[in-house]
């Protein structure tokens, strides 16, 4: 499974924010601290905010913080907010495969794919930061 750059940046940002989830973070601060291009990060933050992963507080003393506690926010929540379904794709790169339309490795890949779902996607940011 390979995550696209947008998802990589989003997970990096949310992971960083989850260490101190009640703090407010500016895009400028996050961009400089995490070495993510400012304009790119601005778009990511807008998308995460629209999907309810983070809160956006406007004004001079505004910024962003997590909308949920770190023990409730999962990696899957971030990927779903960005419409990144790469974890659902066929290991052979043939798109989506399922029980009705199987690739040659579908049955072999089922166990590792299930492990990715439970061991990676279902992890909360609290678990990651422990």
N, C-alpha and C. Protein backbone atom coordinates (compact mmCIF):
# COMPACT_ATOMS: atom_id res chain seq x y z
N UNK A 1 0.85 -1.18 0.00
CA UNK A 1 0.00 0.00 0.00
C UNK A 1 0.89 1.23 0.00
N UNK A 2 0.63 2.12 -0.92
CA UNK A 2 1.36 3.37 -0.99
C UNK A 2 0.37 4.51 -0.89
N UNK A 3 0.62 5.41 0.06
CA UNK A 3 -0.25 6.58 0.22
C UNK A 3 0.25 7.71 -0.66
N UNK A 4 -0.68 8.49 -1.20
CA UNK A 4 -0.26 9.63 -2.01
C UNK A 4 0.33 10.72 -1.11
N UNK A 5 0.98 11.69 -1.71
CA UNK A 5 1.68 12.73 -0.96
C UNK A 5 0.71 13.53 -0.09
N UNK A 6 -0.47 13.82 -0.59
CA UNK A 6 -1.46 14.56 0.18
C UNK A 6 -1.79 13.82 1.47
N UNK A 7 -2.02 12.53 1.37
CA UNK A 7 -2.33 11.73 2.56
C UNK A 7 -1.13 11.65 3.50
N UNK A 8 0.05 11.53 2.95
CA UNK A 8 1.25 11.50 3.79
C UNK A 8 1.37 12.78 4.60
N UNK A 9 1.19 13.92 3.94
CA UNK A 9 1.26 15.21 4.64
C UNK A 9 0.15 15.34 5.68
N UNK A 10 -1.05 14.92 5.31
CA UNK A 10 -2.19 15.04 6.23
C UNK A 10 -1.95 14.21 7.49
N UNK A 11 -1.46 12.99 7.32
CA UNK A 11 -1.19 12.14 8.48
C UNK A 11 -0.07 12.72 9.34
N UNK A 12 0.91 13.31 8.68
CA UNK A 12 2.01 13.96 9.40
C UNK A 12 1.49 15.12 10.25
N UNK A 13 0.63 15.93 9.67
CA UNK A 13 0.06 17.10 10.36
C UNK A 13 -0.85 16.67 11.51
N UNK A 14 -1.77 15.76 11.24
CA UNK A 14 -2.71 15.34 12.27
C UNK A 14 -1.96 14.62 13.39
N UNK A 15 -0.97 13.84 13.04
CA UNK A 15 -0.15 13.19 14.06
C UNK A 15 0.55 14.19 14.95
N UNK A 16 1.09 15.23 14.34
CA UNK A 16 1.76 16.30 15.09
C UNK A 16 0.77 17.03 16.00
N UNK A 17 -0.37 17.37 15.44
CA UNK A 17 -1.39 18.09 16.21
C UNK A 17 -1.95 17.24 17.35
N UNK A 18 -1.95 15.93 17.18
CA UNK A 18 -2.54 15.06 18.19
C UNK A 18 -1.69 14.96 19.46
N UNK A 19 -0.46 15.41 19.40
CA UNK A 19 0.38 15.41 20.60
C UNK A 19 -0.14 16.42 21.61
N UNK A 20 -0.59 17.57 21.11
CA UNK A 20 -1.23 18.60 21.94
C UNK A 20 -2.53 19.01 21.25
N UNK A 21 -3.56 18.17 21.37
CA UNK A 21 -4.78 18.34 20.57
C UNK A 21 -5.60 19.60 20.87
N UNK A 22 -5.41 20.21 22.00
CA UNK A 22 -6.19 21.41 22.33
C UNK A 22 -5.51 22.69 21.89
N UNK A 23 -4.24 22.61 21.49
CA UNK A 23 -3.53 23.79 21.02
C UNK A 23 -4.06 24.21 19.66
N UNK A 24 -3.93 25.50 19.36
CA UNK A 24 -4.27 26.02 18.03
C UNK A 24 -2.99 26.12 17.21
N UNK A 25 -3.08 25.69 15.96
CA UNK A 25 -1.92 25.68 15.08
C UNK A 25 -2.22 26.50 13.84
N UNK A 26 -1.30 27.36 13.46
CA UNK A 26 -1.45 28.10 12.20
C UNK A 26 -0.85 27.27 11.08
N UNK A 27 -1.32 27.51 9.87
CA UNK A 27 -0.78 26.81 8.71
C UNK A 27 0.70 27.17 8.55
N UNK A 28 1.02 28.42 8.80
CA UNK A 28 2.41 28.86 8.68
C UNK A 28 3.31 28.07 9.63
N UNK A 29 2.90 27.96 10.87
CA UNK A 29 3.68 27.23 11.87
C UNK A 29 3.84 25.76 11.46
N UNK A 30 2.73 25.13 11.08
CA UNK A 30 2.79 23.72 10.69
C UNK A 30 3.65 23.53 9.44
N UNK A 31 3.51 24.43 8.50
CA UNK A 31 4.28 24.36 7.26
C UNK A 31 5.78 24.43 7.53
N UNK A 32 6.16 25.38 8.37
CA UNK A 32 7.58 25.56 8.69
C UNK A 32 8.11 24.42 9.56
N UNK A 33 7.34 24.01 10.54
CA UNK A 33 7.77 22.98 11.47
C UNK A 33 7.89 21.61 10.81
N UNK A 34 6.93 21.29 9.94
CA UNK A 34 6.87 19.97 9.33
C UNK A 34 7.43 19.93 7.91
N UNK A 35 7.93 21.08 7.44
CA UNK A 35 8.53 21.18 6.11
C UNK A 35 7.56 20.71 5.00
N UNK A 36 6.38 21.31 5.02
CA UNK A 36 5.36 21.04 4.01
C UNK A 36 5.06 22.36 3.30
N UNK A 37 5.03 22.37 1.97
CA UNK A 37 4.75 23.62 1.26
C UNK A 37 3.47 24.29 1.75
N UNK A 38 3.55 25.59 2.02
CA UNK A 38 2.46 26.35 2.64
C UNK A 38 1.15 26.26 1.86
N UNK A 39 1.19 26.52 0.55
CA UNK A 39 -0.05 26.51 -0.24
C UNK A 39 -0.67 25.11 -0.29
N UNK A 40 0.17 24.11 -0.40
CA UNK A 40 -0.30 22.73 -0.43
C UNK A 40 -0.95 22.38 0.91
N UNK A 41 -0.31 22.76 1.99
CA UNK A 41 -0.84 22.49 3.31
C UNK A 41 -2.15 23.24 3.55
N UNK A 42 -2.25 24.46 3.07
CA UNK A 42 -3.49 25.22 3.21
C UNK A 42 -4.67 24.47 2.61
N UNK A 43 -4.46 23.90 1.44
CA UNK A 43 -5.53 23.14 0.78
C UNK A 43 -5.89 21.88 1.56
N UNK A 44 -4.87 21.22 2.09
CA UNK A 44 -5.11 20.01 2.89
C UNK A 44 -5.91 20.36 4.14
N UNK A 45 -5.52 21.44 4.81
CA UNK A 45 -6.20 21.85 6.04
C UNK A 45 -7.65 22.22 5.77
N UNK A 46 -7.90 22.88 4.65
CA UNK A 46 -9.27 23.23 4.27
C UNK A 46 -10.10 21.97 4.08
N UNK A 47 -9.54 21.01 3.38
CA UNK A 47 -10.26 19.76 3.12
C UNK A 47 -10.52 18.99 4.42
N UNK A 48 -9.52 18.92 5.30
CA UNK A 48 -9.70 18.23 6.58
C UNK A 48 -10.74 18.94 7.45
N UNK A 49 -10.76 20.25 7.35
CA UNK A 49 -11.73 21.04 8.12
C UNK A 49 -13.15 20.81 7.60
N UNK A 50 -13.31 20.83 6.28
CA UNK A 50 -14.63 20.62 5.68
C UNK A 50 -15.19 19.24 6.02
N UNK A 51 -14.31 18.26 6.17
CA UNK A 51 -14.75 16.90 6.46
C UNK A 51 -14.83 16.62 7.96
N UNK A 52 -14.53 17.62 8.79
CA UNK A 52 -14.71 17.47 10.23
C UNK A 52 -13.59 16.79 10.99
N UNK A 53 -12.44 16.62 10.37
CA UNK A 53 -11.31 16.01 11.07
C UNK A 53 -10.65 17.04 11.99
N UNK A 54 -10.59 18.28 11.53
CA UNK A 54 -10.03 19.36 12.33
C UNK A 54 -11.03 20.51 12.38
N UNK A 55 -10.85 21.38 13.36
CA UNK A 55 -11.66 22.59 13.47
C UNK A 55 -10.86 23.76 12.94
N UNK A 56 -11.54 24.70 12.32
CA UNK A 56 -10.92 25.92 11.84
C UNK A 56 -11.52 27.09 12.62
N UNK A 57 -10.67 27.83 13.28
CA UNK A 57 -11.10 29.00 14.03
C UNK A 57 -10.56 30.24 13.34
N UNK A 58 -11.46 31.09 12.88
CA UNK A 58 -11.10 32.27 12.11
C UNK A 58 -10.66 33.42 13.03
N UNK A 59 -10.00 34.40 12.46
CA UNK A 59 -9.65 35.60 13.19
C UNK A 59 -8.18 35.69 13.52
N UNK A 60 -7.84 36.80 14.13
CA UNK A 60 -6.45 37.11 14.44
C UNK A 60 -5.78 36.02 15.30
N UNK A 61 -6.51 35.48 16.23
CA UNK A 61 -5.95 34.46 17.11
C UNK A 61 -6.48 33.07 16.76
N UNK A 62 -6.87 32.91 15.52
CA UNK A 62 -7.43 31.63 15.06
C UNK A 62 -6.37 30.62 14.72
N UNK A 63 -6.81 29.55 14.18
CA UNK A 63 -5.92 28.46 13.78
C UNK A 63 -6.72 27.18 13.65
N UNK A 64 -6.03 26.09 13.77
CA UNK A 64 -6.64 24.78 13.63
C UNK A 64 -6.34 23.93 14.86
N UNK A 65 -7.31 23.08 15.21
CA UNK A 65 -7.07 22.05 16.22
C UNK A 65 -7.90 20.83 15.85
N UNK A 66 -7.68 19.73 16.55
CA UNK A 66 -8.41 18.51 16.25
C UNK A 66 -9.87 18.63 16.65
N UNK A 67 -10.74 18.05 15.87
CA UNK A 67 -12.17 18.09 16.18
C UNK A 67 -12.56 16.99 17.16
N UNK A 68 -11.72 15.97 17.28
CA UNK A 68 -11.96 14.85 18.20
C UNK A 68 -10.72 14.68 19.06
N UNK A 69 -10.87 13.98 20.16
CA UNK A 69 -9.70 13.65 20.96
C UNK A 69 -8.86 12.62 20.20
N UNK A 70 -7.58 12.59 20.49
CA UNK A 70 -6.66 11.71 19.78
C UNK A 70 -7.02 10.23 19.94
N UNK A 71 -7.73 9.90 21.02
CA UNK A 71 -8.11 8.50 21.21
C UNK A 71 -9.35 8.11 20.41
N UNK A 72 -9.97 9.07 19.75
CA UNK A 72 -11.16 8.80 18.93
C UNK A 72 -10.86 8.96 17.42
N UNK A 73 -9.78 9.63 17.10
CA UNK A 73 -9.44 9.92 15.71
C UNK A 73 -8.52 8.84 15.15
N UNK A 74 -8.97 8.20 14.07
CA UNK A 74 -8.24 7.08 13.47
C UNK A 74 -7.55 7.51 12.17
N UNK A 75 -6.54 6.77 11.81
CA UNK A 75 -5.85 7.01 10.53
C UNK A 75 -6.86 6.95 9.39
N UNK A 76 -7.77 5.99 9.44
CA UNK A 76 -8.79 5.84 8.40
C UNK A 76 -9.64 7.11 8.26
N UNK A 77 -9.91 7.81 9.36
CA UNK A 77 -10.69 9.04 9.31
C UNK A 77 -10.01 10.09 8.42
N UNK A 78 -8.70 10.19 8.55
CA UNK A 78 -7.94 11.16 7.76
C UNK A 78 -7.95 10.75 6.29
N UNK A 79 -7.68 9.49 6.01
CA UNK A 79 -7.66 9.03 4.62
C UNK A 79 -9.04 9.17 3.97
N UNK A 80 -10.09 8.85 4.71
CA UNK A 80 -11.44 8.99 4.17
C UNK A 80 -11.78 10.46 3.89
N UNK A 81 -11.33 11.36 4.75
CA UNK A 81 -11.58 12.79 4.54
C UNK A 81 -10.94 13.30 3.26
N UNK A 82 -9.86 12.66 2.86
CA UNK A 82 -9.15 13.06 1.64
C UNK A 82 -9.57 12.22 0.44
N UNK A 83 -10.55 11.36 0.64
CA UNK A 83 -11.02 10.45 -0.41
C UNK A 83 -9.88 9.58 -0.95
N UNK A 84 -8.96 9.21 -0.07
CA UNK A 84 -7.85 8.33 -0.45
C UNK A 84 -8.26 6.90 -0.12
N UNK A 85 -8.60 6.15 -1.15
CA UNK A 85 -8.99 4.76 -0.93
C UNK A 85 -7.92 3.81 -1.45
N UNK A 86 -6.67 4.25 -1.43
CA UNK A 86 -5.58 3.42 -1.93
C UNK A 86 -5.47 2.11 -1.17
N UNK A 87 -5.90 2.10 0.08
CA UNK A 87 -5.85 0.87 0.86
C UNK A 87 -6.87 -0.16 0.39
N UNK A 88 -7.79 0.26 -0.46
CA UNK A 88 -8.80 -0.65 -1.00
C UNK A 88 -8.39 -1.24 -2.35
N UNK A 89 -7.35 -0.68 -2.93
CA UNK A 89 -6.96 -1.08 -4.28
C UNK A 89 -6.29 -2.45 -4.31
N UNK A 90 -6.36 -3.05 -5.46
CA UNK A 90 -5.76 -4.36 -5.70
C UNK A 90 -4.24 -4.26 -5.58
N UNK A 91 -3.64 -5.26 -4.99
CA UNK A 91 -2.19 -5.30 -4.82
C UNK A 91 -1.49 -5.37 -6.18
N UNK A 92 -2.16 -5.85 -7.20
CA UNK A 92 -1.58 -5.94 -8.53
C UNK A 92 -1.79 -4.67 -9.36
N UNK A 93 -2.48 -3.70 -8.78
CA UNK A 93 -2.68 -2.44 -9.49
C UNK A 93 -3.78 -2.47 -10.52
N UNK A 94 -4.72 -3.41 -10.39
CA UNK A 94 -5.80 -3.52 -11.37
C UNK A 94 -7.06 -2.80 -10.92
N UNK A 95 -6.94 -1.91 -9.96
CA UNK A 95 -8.11 -1.20 -9.45
C UNK A 95 -8.67 -1.91 -8.24
N UNK A 96 -9.98 -1.89 -8.12
CA UNK A 96 -10.62 -2.57 -7.00
C UNK A 96 -10.90 -4.02 -7.38
N UNK A 97 -10.55 -4.92 -6.47
CA UNK A 97 -10.95 -6.31 -6.69
C UNK A 97 -11.67 -6.77 -5.43
N UNK A 98 -12.60 -7.67 -5.62
CA UNK A 98 -13.41 -8.15 -4.49
C UNK A 98 -13.79 -9.59 -4.74
N UNK A 99 -14.68 -10.13 -3.91
CA UNK A 99 -15.09 -11.53 -4.04
C UNK A 99 -15.69 -11.84 -5.40
N UNK A 100 -16.37 -10.86 -6.01
CA UNK A 100 -17.01 -11.08 -7.31
C UNK A 100 -16.04 -10.93 -8.47
N UNK A 101 -15.04 -10.08 -8.29
CA UNK A 101 -14.08 -9.80 -9.36
C UNK A 101 -12.68 -9.91 -8.75
N UNK A 102 -12.17 -11.13 -8.70
CA UNK A 102 -10.90 -11.40 -8.04
C UNK A 102 -9.72 -11.31 -9.00
N UNK A 103 -8.62 -10.75 -8.48
CA UNK A 103 -7.35 -10.84 -9.22
C UNK A 103 -6.69 -12.15 -8.82
N UNK A 104 -5.55 -12.47 -9.41
CA UNK A 104 -4.87 -13.73 -9.12
C UNK A 104 -4.39 -13.82 -7.67
N UNK A 105 -4.08 -12.70 -7.06
CA UNK A 105 -3.56 -12.71 -5.69
C UNK A 105 -4.60 -12.34 -4.64
N UNK A 106 -5.85 -12.21 -5.04
CA UNK A 106 -6.88 -11.74 -4.12
C UNK A 106 -6.93 -12.56 -2.82
N UNK A 107 -7.04 -13.88 -2.95
CA UNK A 107 -7.15 -14.72 -1.76
C UNK A 107 -5.86 -14.72 -0.94
N UNK A 108 -4.72 -14.65 -1.61
CA UNK A 108 -3.43 -14.61 -0.92
C UNK A 108 -3.24 -13.28 -0.19
N UNK A 109 -3.74 -12.21 -0.78
CA UNK A 109 -3.57 -10.86 -0.23
C UNK A 109 -4.61 -10.54 0.84
N UNK A 110 -5.66 -11.34 0.96
CA UNK A 110 -6.74 -11.04 1.89
C UNK A 110 -6.25 -10.93 3.34
N UNK A 111 -5.45 -11.86 3.81
CA UNK A 111 -4.98 -11.82 5.20
C UNK A 111 -4.11 -10.59 5.47
N UNK A 112 -3.08 -10.30 4.65
CA UNK A 112 -2.31 -9.08 4.90
C UNK A 112 -3.15 -7.80 4.80
N UNK A 113 -4.10 -7.79 3.88
CA UNK A 113 -4.97 -6.61 3.73
C UNK A 113 -5.84 -6.42 4.97
N UNK A 114 -6.36 -7.50 5.52
CA UNK A 114 -7.14 -7.41 6.76
C UNK A 114 -6.27 -6.93 7.91
N UNK A 115 -5.03 -7.39 7.94
CA UNK A 115 -4.10 -6.95 8.98
C UNK A 115 -3.81 -5.45 8.86
N UNK A 116 -3.68 -4.97 7.64
CA UNK A 116 -3.47 -3.53 7.42
C UNK A 116 -4.67 -2.76 7.95
N UNK A 117 -5.85 -3.26 7.68
CA UNK A 117 -7.05 -2.57 8.15
C UNK A 117 -7.07 -2.46 9.67
N UNK A 118 -6.77 -3.56 10.36
CA UNK A 118 -6.87 -3.53 11.83
C UNK A 118 -5.63 -2.94 12.48
N UNK A 119 -4.46 -3.26 11.97
CA UNK A 119 -3.22 -2.81 12.61
C UNK A 119 -2.78 -1.42 12.19
N UNK A 120 -3.29 -0.90 11.10
CA UNK A 120 -2.88 0.41 10.62
C UNK A 120 -4.05 1.38 10.56
N UNK A 121 -5.04 1.08 9.78
CA UNK A 121 -6.15 2.01 9.55
C UNK A 121 -6.98 2.28 10.80
N UNK A 122 -7.12 1.31 11.65
CA UNK A 122 -7.95 1.46 12.85
C UNK A 122 -7.19 2.04 14.04
N UNK A 123 -5.89 2.25 13.89
CA UNK A 123 -5.10 2.85 14.97
C UNK A 123 -5.54 4.28 15.19
N UNK A 124 -5.65 4.64 16.46
CA UNK A 124 -5.95 6.04 16.80
C UNK A 124 -4.63 6.79 16.95
N UNK A 125 -4.72 8.09 16.87
CA UNK A 125 -3.51 8.91 17.02
C UNK A 125 -2.99 8.86 18.46
N UNK A 126 -3.86 8.55 19.40
CA UNK A 126 -3.42 8.36 20.78
C UNK A 126 -2.51 7.12 20.86
N UNK A 127 -2.92 6.05 20.20
CA UNK A 127 -2.12 4.82 20.20
C UNK A 127 -0.77 5.04 19.51
N UNK A 128 -0.78 5.82 18.47
CA UNK A 128 0.45 6.10 17.73
C UNK A 128 1.43 6.89 18.59
N UNK A 129 0.92 7.83 19.37
CA UNK A 129 1.78 8.72 20.15
C UNK A 129 2.23 8.13 21.49
N UNK A 130 1.77 6.96 21.85
CA UNK A 130 2.18 6.38 23.14
C UNK A 130 3.60 5.97 23.12
